[in-house]
Amino acid sequence: MPTYISLARWTDQGRRGISESPRRLDAAKKMLQDMGGQVLAFYMTMGEHDMVVIYEAPDDAVAARFSLKSGQGGNIHGLTMKAFPETAYREIVASLG
């Protein structure tokens, strides 16, 4: 299953309701699971982003839907990247000739 990495920042609304953040994370994990994916890791971070979520989804459409639905509540702004494992990276680079 493809892997995705999301970097997220709390919005002002999200910071005001910070005590509800763990409940929102649990709901997001369940939502992704219901879509056929799973959260592999979650980290709260310091710096430009507040959270890093590493997850798997069946395809890009599911990952996009999860990303959009996660932001609908107005508590986070996110940036999602598709992640290629090392074996895929090596194959891609080798195909360059």
C-alpha atoms as a PDB file:
ATOM      1  CA  MET A   1       0.000   0.000   0.000  1.00  0.00           C
ATOM      2  CA  PRO A   2       1.372   3.483  -0.816  1.00  0.00           C
ATOM      3  CA  THR A   3       2.788   5.533   2.053  1.00  0.00           C
ATOM      4  CA  TYR A   4       2.114   9.226   2.647  1.00  0.00           C
ATOM      5  CA  ILE A   5       3.641  11.796   4.989  1.00  0.00           C
ATOM      6  CA  SER A   6       1.549  14.723   6.187  1.00  0.00           C
ATOM      7  CA  LEU A   7       2.977  17.801   7.865  1.00  0.00           C
ATOM      8  CA  ALA A   8       0.338  19.773   9.739  1.00  0.00           C
ATOM      9  CA  ARG A   9       0.035  23.015  11.665  1.00  0.00           C
ATOM     10  CA  TRP A  10      -2.711  23.905  14.082  1.00  0.00           C
ATOM     11  CA  THR A  11      -4.879  26.819  13.022  1.00  0.00           C
ATOM     12  CA  ASP A  12      -5.895  29.449  15.575  1.00  0.00           C
ATOM     13  CA  GLN A  13      -9.110  27.470  16.042  1.00  0.00           C
ATOM     14  CA  GLY A  14      -7.130  24.270  16.544  1.00  0.00           C
ATOM     15  CA  ARG A  15      -4.913  25.895  19.186  1.00  0.00           C
ATOM     16  CA  ARG A  16      -7.929  27.276  21.051  1.00  0.00           C
ATOM     17  CA  GLY A  17      -9.353  23.749  21.208  1.00  0.00           C
ATOM     18  CA  ILE A  18      -6.015  22.037  21.850  1.00  0.00           C
ATOM     19  CA  SER A  19      -7.407  19.915  24.675  1.00  0.00           C
ATOM     20  CA  GLU A  20      -9.657  18.214  22.084  1.00  0.00           C
ATOM     21  CA  SER A  21      -6.721  17.423  19.799  1.00  0.00           C
ATOM     22  CA  PRO A  22      -6.207  13.818  21.020  1.00  0.00           C
ATOM     23  CA  ARG A  23      -9.892  13.084  20.375  1.00  0.00           C
ATOM     24  CA  ARG A  24      -9.605  14.590  16.894  1.00  0.00           C
ATOM     25  CA  LEU A  25      -6.536  12.435  16.214  1.00  0.00           C
ATOM     26  CA  ASP A  26      -8.440   9.312  17.274  1.00  0.00           C
ATOM     27  CA  ALA A  27     -11.313  10.289  14.976  1.00  0.00           C
ATOM     28  CA  ALA A  28      -8.904  10.872  12.065  1.00  0.00           C
ATOM     29  CA  LYS A  29      -7.298   7.470  12.626  1.00  0.00           C
ATOM     30  CA  LYS A  30     -10.721   5.819  12.565  1.00  0.00           C
ATOM     31  CA  MET A  31     -11.745   7.762   9.463  1.00  0.00           C
ATOM     32  CA  LEU A  32      -8.633   6.583   7.620  1.00  0.00           C
ATOM     33  CA  GLN A  33      -9.169   3.018   8.797  1.00  0.00           C
ATOM     34  CA  ASP A  34     -12.748   3.161   7.490  1.00  0.00           C
ATOM     35  CA  MET A  35     -11.277   4.253   4.120  1.00  0.00           C
ATOM     36  CA  GLY A  36      -9.017   1.196   4.055  1.00  0.00           C
ATOM     37  CA  GLY A  37      -5.827   2.853   5.286  1.00  0.00           C
ATOM     38  CA  GLN A  38      -3.950   3.108   8.550  1.00  0.00           C
ATOM     39  CA  VAL A  39      -1.834   5.566  10.496  1.00  0.00           C
ATOM     40  CA  LEU A  40       1.649   4.111  10.906  1.00  0.00           C
ATOM     41  CA  ALA A  41       3.063   6.865  13.130  1.00  0.00           C
ATOM     42  CA  PHE A  42       2.114  10.204  14.646  1.00  0.00           C
ATOM     43  CA  TYR A  43       4.546  12.755  16.052  1.00  0.00           C
ATOM     44  CA  MET A  44       4.008  16.131  17.659  1.00  0.00           C
ATOM     45  CA  THR A  45       6.907  18.277  16.499  1.00  0.00           C
ATOM     46  CA  MET A  46       8.519  21.607  17.242  1.00  0.00           C
ATOM     47  CA  GLY A  47       9.358  24.049  14.489  1.00  0.00           C
ATOM     48  CA  GLU A  48       7.491  25.058  11.369  1.00  0.00           C
ATOM     49  CA  HIS A  49       5.016  22.170  11.685  1.00  0.00           C
ATOM     50  CA  ASP A  50       3.187  20.935  14.776  1.00  0.00           C
ATOM     51  CA  MET A  51       2.529  17.348  13.695  1.00  0.00           C
ATOM     52  CA  VAL A  52       3.850  14.662  11.360  1.00  0.00           C
ATOM     53  CA  VAL A  53       1.577  11.794  10.360  1.00  0.00           C
ATOM     54  CA  ILE A  54       2.881   8.822   8.397  1.00  0.00           C
ATOM     55  CA  TYR A  55       0.131   6.690   6.935  1.00  0.00           C
ATOM     56  CA  GLU A  56      -0.803   4.168   4.293  1.00  0.00           C
ATOM     57  CA  ALA A  57      -3.781   4.460   1.979  1.00  0.00           C
ATOM     58  CA  PRO A  58      -5.017   2.179  -0.794  1.00  0.00           C
ATOM     59  CA  ASP A  59      -4.356   4.819  -3.477  1.00  0.00           C
ATOM     60  CA  ASP A  60      -3.819   8.515  -4.146  1.00  0.00           C
ATOM     61  CA  ALA A  61      -7.560   9.225  -4.306  1.00  0.00           C
ATOM     62  CA  VAL A  62      -8.089   7.868  -0.785  1.00  0.00           C
ATOM     63  CA  ALA A  63      -5.073   9.833   0.472  1.00  0.00           C
ATOM     64  CA  ALA A  64      -6.465  13.010  -1.106  1.00  0.00           C
ATOM     65  CA  ARG A  65      -9.912  12.389   0.386  1.00  0.00           C
ATOM     66  CA  PHE A  66      -8.369  11.786   3.825  1.00  0.00           C
ATOM     67  CA  SER A  67      -6.299  14.963   3.550  1.00  0.00           C
ATOM     68  CA  LEU A  68      -9.292  17.067   2.500  1.00  0.00           C
ATOM     69  CA  LYS A  69     -11.615  15.626   5.145  1.00  0.00           C
ATOM     70  CA  SER A  70      -8.971  16.114   7.843  1.00  0.00           C
ATOM     71  CA  GLY A  71      -8.824  19.822   7.074  1.00  0.00           C
ATOM     72  CA  GLN A  72     -12.590  20.363   6.863  1.00  0.00           C
ATOM     73  CA  GLY A  73     -12.929  20.910  10.604  1.00  0.00           C
ATOM     74  CA  GLY A  74     -10.725  23.993  10.408  1.00  0.00           C
ATOM     75  CA  ASN A  75      -8.316  22.834  13.118  1.00  0.00           C
ATOM     76  CA  ILE A  76      -5.277  22.127  10.943  1.00  0.00           C
ATOM     77  CA  HIS A  77      -3.539  23.178   7.757  1.00  0.00           C
ATOM     78  CA  GLY A  78      -1.717  20.303   6.121  1.00  0.00           C
ATOM     79  CA  LEU A  79       0.768  19.385   3.447  1.00  0.00           C
ATOM     80  CA  THR A  80       0.749  15.791   2.204  1.00  0.00           C
ATOM     81  CA  MET A  81       3.542  14.085   0.298  1.00  0.00           C
ATOM     82  CA  LYS A  82       3.627  10.664  -1.314  1.00  0.00           C
ATOM     83  CA  ALA A  83       6.581   8.685   0.024  1.00  0.00           C
ATOM     84  CA  PHE A  84       8.563   6.219  -2.059  1.00  0.00           C
ATOM     85  CA  PRO A  85      10.386   3.459  -0.148  1.00  0.00           C
ATOM     86  CA  GLU A  86      14.091   2.914  -0.746  1.00  0.00           C
ATOM     87  CA  THR A  87      13.539   0.048  -3.190  1.00  0.00           C
ATOM     88  CA  ALA A  88      11.277   2.227  -5.367  1.00  0.00           C
ATOM     89  CA  TYR A  89      13.752   5.109  -5.117  1.00  0.00           C
ATOM     90  CA  ARG A  90      16.561   2.847  -6.346  1.00  0.00           C
ATOM     91  CA  GLU A  91      14.416   1.576  -9.238  1.00  0.00           C
ATOM     92  CA  ILE A  92      13.431   5.102 -10.261  1.00  0.00           C
ATOM     93  CA  VAL A  93      17.028   6.342 -10.200  1.00  0.00           C
ATOM     94  CA  ALA A  94      18.301   3.250 -12.048  1.00  0.00           C
ATOM     95  CA  SER A  95      15.709   3.807 -14.793  1.00  0.00           C
ATOM     96  CA  LEU A  96      17.268   7.173 -15.595  1.00  0.00           C
ATOM     97  CA  GLY A  97      20.081   5.396 -17.432  1.00  0.00           C
END
